[in-house]
């Protein structure tokens, strides 16, 4: 889950003053606005960003309006006489083992996969930003304890940790349970990014000025430090959505994620693996859509990282 480029981005921005334009300093808001306007100009020229954005919007629309993309076909309307029928002009993805329209099933599978990815990222951001901000701002014993806790979680790989939690049955096997299980073992990189940014920013002149004016620690942290420490976390969150969608499919494929009658790409790949020789489309289509979805968010995250990194500016 750790990306050295993201950490480098955090340090580069803090050191170059790209994000640390203070809202209390003269011209601070202008400098901060300039960062994002420069990043947007960079993104607009990045073909890979637009490819990722178009694909991402397509799959989000698929999750929100599945009946439109499934051409009004009910994914649970099955006829065994069509079992494993190959793709045709009328049924683009063919049929699954139960004789259900496979295009409808793949389309409806987008909803659970994207919900898990987005929900897990929200939990990761809440945990990572909260713990990282407290750790970096207060330092000392607080920083040592929270950093060691993060190190303990780092010792467990994402998939393995989530697998153990889900197999124990403590959280159940639903969408929320899978998202929380993934978030529990994925918040540490966000925490370290925020911590490093807060440490770099908290001794800035504008923070000292806010203290001199009597601002409380909470106000300084929330109002003056955090808005200037979010850039690398946004990059990380964008990339992580794709990683978590792939992780959910992996857990479901291993039998510890979502369970039938839920519809997800992981379940479809798990069912289709035994039909690889007789009905390869049962594995091909959900795998292809899953790959494109992950690629979309990774492309957007990489483009955003390059746009916010001063060294990558052209």
Protein backbone atom coordinates (compact mmCIF):
# COMPACT_ATOMS: atom_id res chain seq x y z
CA UNK A 1 0.00 0.00 0.00
CA UNK A 2 2.95 2.32 0.48
CA UNK A 3 4.00 4.42 -2.53
CA UNK A 4 7.37 6.17 -2.21
CA UNK A 5 6.37 8.63 -4.93
CA UNK A 6 3.48 9.81 -2.80
CA UNK A 7 5.74 10.37 0.19
CA UNK A 8 8.19 12.25 -2.03
CA UNK A 9 5.32 14.40 -3.26
CA UNK A 10 4.41 15.29 0.30
CA UNK A 11 7.95 16.40 1.17
CA UNK A 12 8.49 18.22 -2.12
CA UNK A 13 5.34 20.26 -1.75
CA UNK A 14 6.04 21.17 1.85
CA UNK A 15 9.62 22.10 1.09
CA UNK A 16 8.83 24.06 -2.08
CA UNK A 17 6.07 26.01 -0.41
CA UNK A 18 3.60 24.82 -3.03
CA UNK A 19 0.90 23.86 -0.55
CA UNK A 20 1.92 25.88 2.41
CA UNK A 21 0.58 29.17 1.17
CA UNK A 22 -1.14 30.32 4.35
CA UNK A 23 -4.56 31.82 4.31
CA UNK A 24 -3.43 34.26 7.04
CA UNK A 25 -0.41 35.53 5.14
CA UNK A 26 -0.75 38.24 2.47
CA UNK A 27 -1.20 36.49 -0.86
CA UNK A 28 -1.48 33.09 0.83
CA UNK A 29 -4.81 32.22 -0.74
CA UNK A 30 -3.54 33.33 -4.13
CA UNK A 31 -0.55 31.01 -3.88
CA UNK A 32 -2.72 28.08 -2.78
CA UNK A 33 -5.19 28.76 -5.59
CA UNK A 34 -2.24 28.95 -7.97
CA UNK A 35 -1.17 25.44 -6.96
CA UNK A 36 -4.51 23.96 -7.96
CA UNK A 37 -4.89 26.09 -11.08
CA UNK A 38 -1.40 25.04 -12.21
CA UNK A 39 -2.27 21.41 -11.46
CA UNK A 40 -5.48 21.67 -13.49
CA UNK A 41 -3.58 23.12 -16.46
CA UNK A 42 -1.18 20.19 -16.22
CA UNK A 43 -4.03 17.68 -15.99
CA UNK A 44 -5.81 19.11 -19.02
CA UNK A 45 -2.75 18.32 -21.15
CA UNK A 46 -2.42 14.78 -19.80
CA UNK A 47 -4.01 12.23 -22.14
CA UNK A 48 -3.75 9.45 -19.54
CA UNK A 49 -5.72 11.55 -17.06
CA UNK A 50 -8.59 11.93 -19.55
CA UNK A 51 -8.55 8.23 -20.35
CA UNK A 52 -8.79 7.43 -16.63
CA UNK A 53 -11.45 10.10 -16.04
CA UNK A 54 -13.67 8.93 -18.90
CA UNK A 55 -13.40 5.29 -17.82
CA UNK A 56 -13.99 6.21 -14.17
CA UNK A 57 -17.10 8.23 -14.99
CA UNK A 58 -18.35 5.41 -17.20
CA UNK A 59 -18.09 2.84 -14.42
CA UNK A 60 -19.59 5.19 -11.83
CA UNK A 61 -22.52 5.78 -14.17
CA UNK A 62 -22.78 2.03 -14.63
CA UNK A 63 -23.04 1.58 -10.86
CA UNK A 64 -25.63 4.35 -10.51
CA UNK A 65 -27.76 3.42 -13.53
CA UNK A 66 -27.24 -0.31 -14.10
CA UNK A 67 -30.58 -0.87 -15.84
CA UNK A 68 -29.56 1.57 -18.60
CA UNK A 69 -26.28 -0.22 -19.33
CA UNK A 70 -27.93 -3.65 -18.98
CA UNK A 71 -30.53 -2.57 -21.57
CA UNK A 72 -33.35 -3.21 -19.11
CA UNK A 73 -32.49 -6.89 -18.61
CA UNK A 74 -32.96 -8.35 -15.11
CA UNK A 75 -29.68 -10.03 -14.06
CA UNK A 76 -31.64 -12.61 -12.04
CA UNK A 77 -33.94 -13.59 -14.91
CA UNK A 78 -32.42 -16.91 -15.96
CA UNK A 79 -33.18 -19.79 -18.30
CA UNK A 80 -31.11 -22.95 -17.95
CA UNK A 81 -31.54 -23.70 -21.64
CA UNK A 82 -29.16 -20.76 -22.27
CA UNK A 83 -26.52 -22.04 -19.83
CA UNK A 84 -23.02 -20.89 -20.85
CA UNK A 85 -24.24 -19.74 -24.27
CA UNK A 86 -21.58 -17.76 -26.12
CA UNK A 87 -21.78 -14.02 -26.85
CA UNK A 88 -24.00 -12.99 -29.75
CA UNK A 89 -25.30 -9.84 -31.40
CA UNK A 90 -28.32 -9.89 -29.09
CA UNK A 91 -26.49 -10.90 -25.92
CA UNK A 92 -23.07 -9.24 -26.09
CA UNK A 93 -21.53 -11.06 -23.12
CA UNK A 94 -23.39 -14.35 -23.57
CA UNK A 95 -24.91 -16.21 -20.61
CA UNK A 96 -23.59 -17.57 -17.34
CA UNK A 97 -23.92 -21.11 -15.98
CA UNK A 98 -27.47 -20.46 -14.73
CA UNK A 99 -28.54 -19.06 -18.08
CA UNK A 100 -28.62 -15.42 -16.91
CA UNK A 101 -27.69 -12.60 -19.25
CA UNK A 102 -24.01 -12.02 -18.49
CA UNK A 103 -23.88 -8.38 -19.59
CA UNK A 104 -26.58 -7.55 -17.02
CA UNK A 105 -24.70 -9.45 -14.31
CA UNK A 106 -21.38 -7.74 -15.05
CA UNK A 107 -23.06 -4.33 -15.12
CA UNK A 108 -24.87 -4.88 -11.83
CA UNK A 109 -21.62 -6.16 -10.31
CA UNK A 110 -20.12 -2.68 -10.65
CA UNK A 111 -22.30 -1.27 -7.87
CA UNK A 112 -21.01 -3.47 -5.03
CA UNK A 113 -17.40 -3.24 -6.17
CA UNK A 114 -17.42 0.57 -6.38
CA UNK A 115 -19.34 0.99 -3.13
CA UNK A 116 -16.76 -1.12 -1.31
CA UNK A 117 -13.86 0.77 -2.88
CA UNK A 118 -15.29 4.22 -2.12
CA UNK A 119 -16.52 3.35 1.38
CA UNK A 120 -13.18 1.79 2.31
CA UNK A 121 -11.32 4.89 1.08
CA UNK A 122 -13.57 7.15 3.15
CA UNK A 123 -12.80 5.12 6.28
CA UNK A 124 -9.08 5.11 5.39
CA UNK A 125 -9.08 8.89 5.01
CA UNK A 126 -10.91 9.43 8.29
CA UNK A 127 -8.52 7.17 10.21
CA UNK A 128 -5.37 8.22 8.37
CA UNK A 129 -5.99 11.96 8.47
CA UNK A 130 -7.12 11.96 12.11
CA UNK A 131 -4.28 9.80 13.43
CA UNK A 132 -1.64 11.42 11.19
CA UNK A 133 -2.68 14.96 12.12
CA UNK A 134 -2.63 14.24 15.86
CA UNK A 135 0.66 12.36 15.61
CA UNK A 136 2.45 15.03 13.59
CA UNK A 137 1.05 18.03 15.43
CA UNK A 138 1.60 16.94 19.03
CA UNK A 139 4.76 14.86 18.50
CA UNK A 140 6.64 13.38 21.45
CA UNK A 141 5.09 10.40 23.21
CA UNK A 142 1.84 10.74 21.27
CA UNK A 143 3.70 10.52 17.98
CA UNK A 144 5.75 7.53 19.16
CA UNK A 145 2.72 5.55 20.31
CA UNK A 146 0.62 6.23 17.20
CA UNK A 147 3.55 5.55 14.87
CA UNK A 148 4.23 2.20 16.54
CA UNK A 149 0.55 1.25 16.23
CA UNK A 150 0.77 2.03 12.52
CA UNK A 151 3.92 -0.12 12.28
CA UNK A 152 2.04 -3.05 13.84
CA UNK A 153 -0.68 -2.80 11.20
CA UNK A 154 1.97 -2.45 8.50
CA UNK A 155 3.29 -5.89 9.51
CA UNK A 156 0.09 -7.47 8.16
CA UNK A 157 -0.44 -7.36 4.37
CA UNK A 158 -3.74 -5.86 3.25
CA UNK A 159 -5.27 -9.02 1.77
CA UNK A 160 -4.05 -11.29 4.56
CA UNK A 161 -5.29 -9.00 7.33
CA UNK A 162 -8.71 -8.53 5.73
CA UNK A 163 -8.94 -12.27 5.06
CA UNK A 164 -8.33 -13.09 8.72
CA UNK A 165 -10.93 -10.56 9.92
CA UNK A 166 -13.58 -11.69 7.43
CA UNK A 167 -12.97 -15.38 8.04
CA UNK A 168 -13.42 -14.82 11.78
CA UNK A 169 -16.98 -13.66 11.08
CA UNK A 170 -16.72 -10.71 13.49
CA UNK A 171 -17.91 -8.22 10.88
CA UNK A 172 -20.00 -10.55 8.74
CA UNK A 173 -19.64 -10.82 4.97
CA UNK A 174 -21.66 -7.88 3.59
CA UNK A 175 -20.55 -4.83 1.63
CA UNK A 176 -19.89 -2.73 4.74
CA UNK A 177 -18.00 -5.57 6.44
CA UNK A 178 -15.64 -6.03 3.48
CA UNK A 179 -15.05 -2.27 3.22
CA UNK A 180 -14.22 -1.95 6.93
CA UNK A 181 -11.96 -5.01 6.85
CA UNK A 182 -9.96 -3.50 3.97
CA UNK A 183 -9.83 -0.07 5.62
CA UNK A 184 -8.51 -1.51 8.89
CA UNK A 185 -5.36 -2.62 7.10
CA UNK A 186 -5.04 0.22 4.61
CA UNK A 187 -5.02 3.48 6.61
CA UNK A 188 -1.34 3.55 7.57
CA UNK A 189 0.07 5.14 4.39
CA UNK A 190 -2.49 7.96 4.57
CA UNK A 191 -1.51 8.45 8.22
CA UNK A 192 2.20 8.74 7.34
CA UNK A 193 1.54 11.15 4.48
CA UNK A 194 -0.51 13.46 6.72
CA UNK A 195 1.98 13.14 9.59
CA UNK A 196 4.94 14.15 7.40
CA UNK A 197 3.04 17.10 5.96
CA UNK A 198 1.90 18.34 9.38
CA UNK A 199 5.44 18.09 10.78
CA UNK A 200 6.76 20.11 7.83
CA UNK A 201 4.05 22.77 8.10
CA UNK A 202 3.49 23.23 11.85
CA UNK A 203 6.59 25.38 12.34
CA UNK A 204 5.77 27.73 9.47
CA UNK A 205 5.59 31.48 10.05
CA UNK A 206 1.86 31.68 9.51
CA UNK A 207 1.25 28.97 12.15
CA UNK A 208 3.40 30.95 14.59
CA UNK A 209 1.38 34.05 13.73
CA UNK A 210 -1.87 32.21 14.41
CA UNK A 211 -0.53 31.10 17.81
CA UNK A 212 0.50 34.65 18.64
CA UNK A 213 -3.04 35.78 17.89
CA UNK A 214 -4.37 33.29 20.45
CA UNK A 215 -5.71 30.57 18.14
CA UNK A 216 -6.28 27.22 19.86
CA UNK A 217 -4.41 24.08 18.81
CA UNK A 218 -7.58 22.64 17.30
CA UNK A 219 -8.21 25.77 15.21
CA UNK A 220 -4.58 25.90 14.07
CA UNK A 221 -4.67 22.24 13.05
CA UNK A 222 -8.05 22.32 11.32
CA UNK A 223 -8.01 25.82 9.85
CA UNK A 224 -4.37 26.47 9.02
CA UNK A 225 -2.46 23.19 8.72
CA UNK A 226 -4.80 20.55 7.28
CA UNK A 227 -5.96 22.52 4.19
CA UNK A 228 -2.29 22.74 3.20
CA UNK A 229 -1.55 19.04 3.78
CA UNK A 230 -4.24 17.37 1.70
CA UNK A 231 -2.63 17.17 -1.76
CA UNK A 232 -0.62 13.93 -1.34
CA UNK A 233 -3.54 12.34 0.53
CA UNK A 234 -5.90 13.07 -2.38
CA UNK A 235 -3.44 11.44 -4.77
CA UNK A 236 -3.15 8.41 -2.52
CA UNK A 237 -6.94 8.13 -2.12
CA UNK A 238 -7.52 8.18 -5.89
CA UNK A 239 -5.03 5.39 -6.52
CA UNK A 240 -6.24 3.40 -3.52
CA UNK A 241 -9.83 3.21 -4.80
CA UNK A 242 -8.61 1.03 -7.65
CA UNK A 243 -6.40 -1.04 -5.36
CA UNK A 244 -9.29 -1.69 -2.97
CA UNK A 245 -11.67 -2.68 -5.77
CA UNK A 246 -9.11 -5.26 -6.87
CA UNK A 247 -8.65 -6.36 -3.23
CA UNK A 248 -12.39 -6.87 -2.81
CA UNK A 249 -12.49 -9.04 -5.93
CA UNK A 250 -9.55 -11.05 -4.59
CA UNK A 251 -11.21 -11.63 -1.22
CA UNK A 252 -14.47 -12.63 -2.88
CA UNK A 253 -12.59 -14.93 -5.26
CA UNK A 254 -10.99 -16.58 -2.21
CA UNK A 255 -14.45 -17.15 -0.71
CA UNK A 256 -14.25 -14.73 2.23
CA UNK A 257 -15.75 -11.62 0.66
CA UNK A 258 -19.26 -11.15 -0.69
CA UNK A 259 -21.47 -14.21 -0.83
CA UNK A 260 -24.35 -15.16 -3.17
CA UNK A 261 -26.97 -13.91 -3.89
CA UNK A 262 -24.83 -10.73 -4.03
CA UNK A 263 -23.56 -9.79 -7.48
CA UNK A 264 -19.91 -8.83 -7.85
CA UNK A 265 -17.05 -9.27 -10.27
CA UNK A 266 -15.14 -11.37 -7.75
CA UNK A 267 -18.00 -13.86 -7.48
CA UNK A 268 -18.30 -14.03 -11.27
CA UNK A 269 -14.58 -14.71 -11.69
CA UNK A 270 -14.70 -17.32 -8.92
CA UNK A 271 -17.61 -19.11 -10.60
CA UNK A 272 -16.14 -18.79 -14.08
CA UNK A 273 -12.71 -20.21 -13.26
CA UNK A 274 -14.04 -23.78 -13.49
CA UNK A 275 -15.55 -22.99 -16.92
CA UNK A 276 -12.41 -21.52 -18.45
CA UNK A 277 -12.18 -24.19 -21.19
CA UNK A 278 -15.86 -24.54 -22.02
CA UNK A 279 -17.04 -20.95 -21.43
CA UNK A 280 -14.04 -18.58 -21.31
CA UNK A 281 -16.32 -15.54 -21.53
CA UNK A 282 -17.45 -16.28 -17.96
CA UNK A 283 -13.99 -15.20 -16.76
CA UNK A 284 -12.99 -12.84 -19.56
CA UNK A 285 -15.66 -10.16 -19.26
CA UNK A 286 -15.72 -9.56 -15.48
CA UNK A 287 -11.90 -9.70 -15.43
CA UNK A 288 -11.68 -7.17 -18.27
CA UNK A 289 -14.11 -4.73 -16.64
CA UNK A 290 -12.36 -5.12 -13.28
CA UNK A 291 -8.98 -4.42 -14.89
CA UNK A 292 -10.28 -1.32 -16.68
CA UNK A 293 -11.86 0.01 -13.48
CA UNK A 294 -8.65 -0.39 -11.49
CA UNK A 295 -6.64 1.12 -14.34
CA UNK A 296 -8.95 4.15 -14.50
CA UNK A 297 -8.36 5.16 -10.89
CA UNK A 298 -4.63 4.42 -11.05
CA UNK A 299 -4.26 6.56 -14.17
CA UNK A 300 -6.12 9.46 -12.53
CA UNK A 301 -4.04 9.13 -9.36
CA UNK A 302 -0.74 9.04 -11.25
CA UNK A 303 -1.73 12.07 -13.31
CA UNK A 304 -2.80 13.98 -10.20
CA UNK A 305 0.48 13.13 -8.48
CA UNK A 306 2.50 14.42 -11.43
CA UNK A 307 0.40 17.59 -11.65
CA UNK A 308 0.89 18.41 -7.97
CA UNK A 309 4.61 17.62 -7.95
CA UNK A 310 6.66 20.76 -8.71
CA UNK A 311 9.44 18.62 -10.21
CA UNK A 312 7.03 17.30 -12.85
CA UNK A 313 5.78 20.72 -13.95
CA UNK A 314 6.57 21.59 -17.52
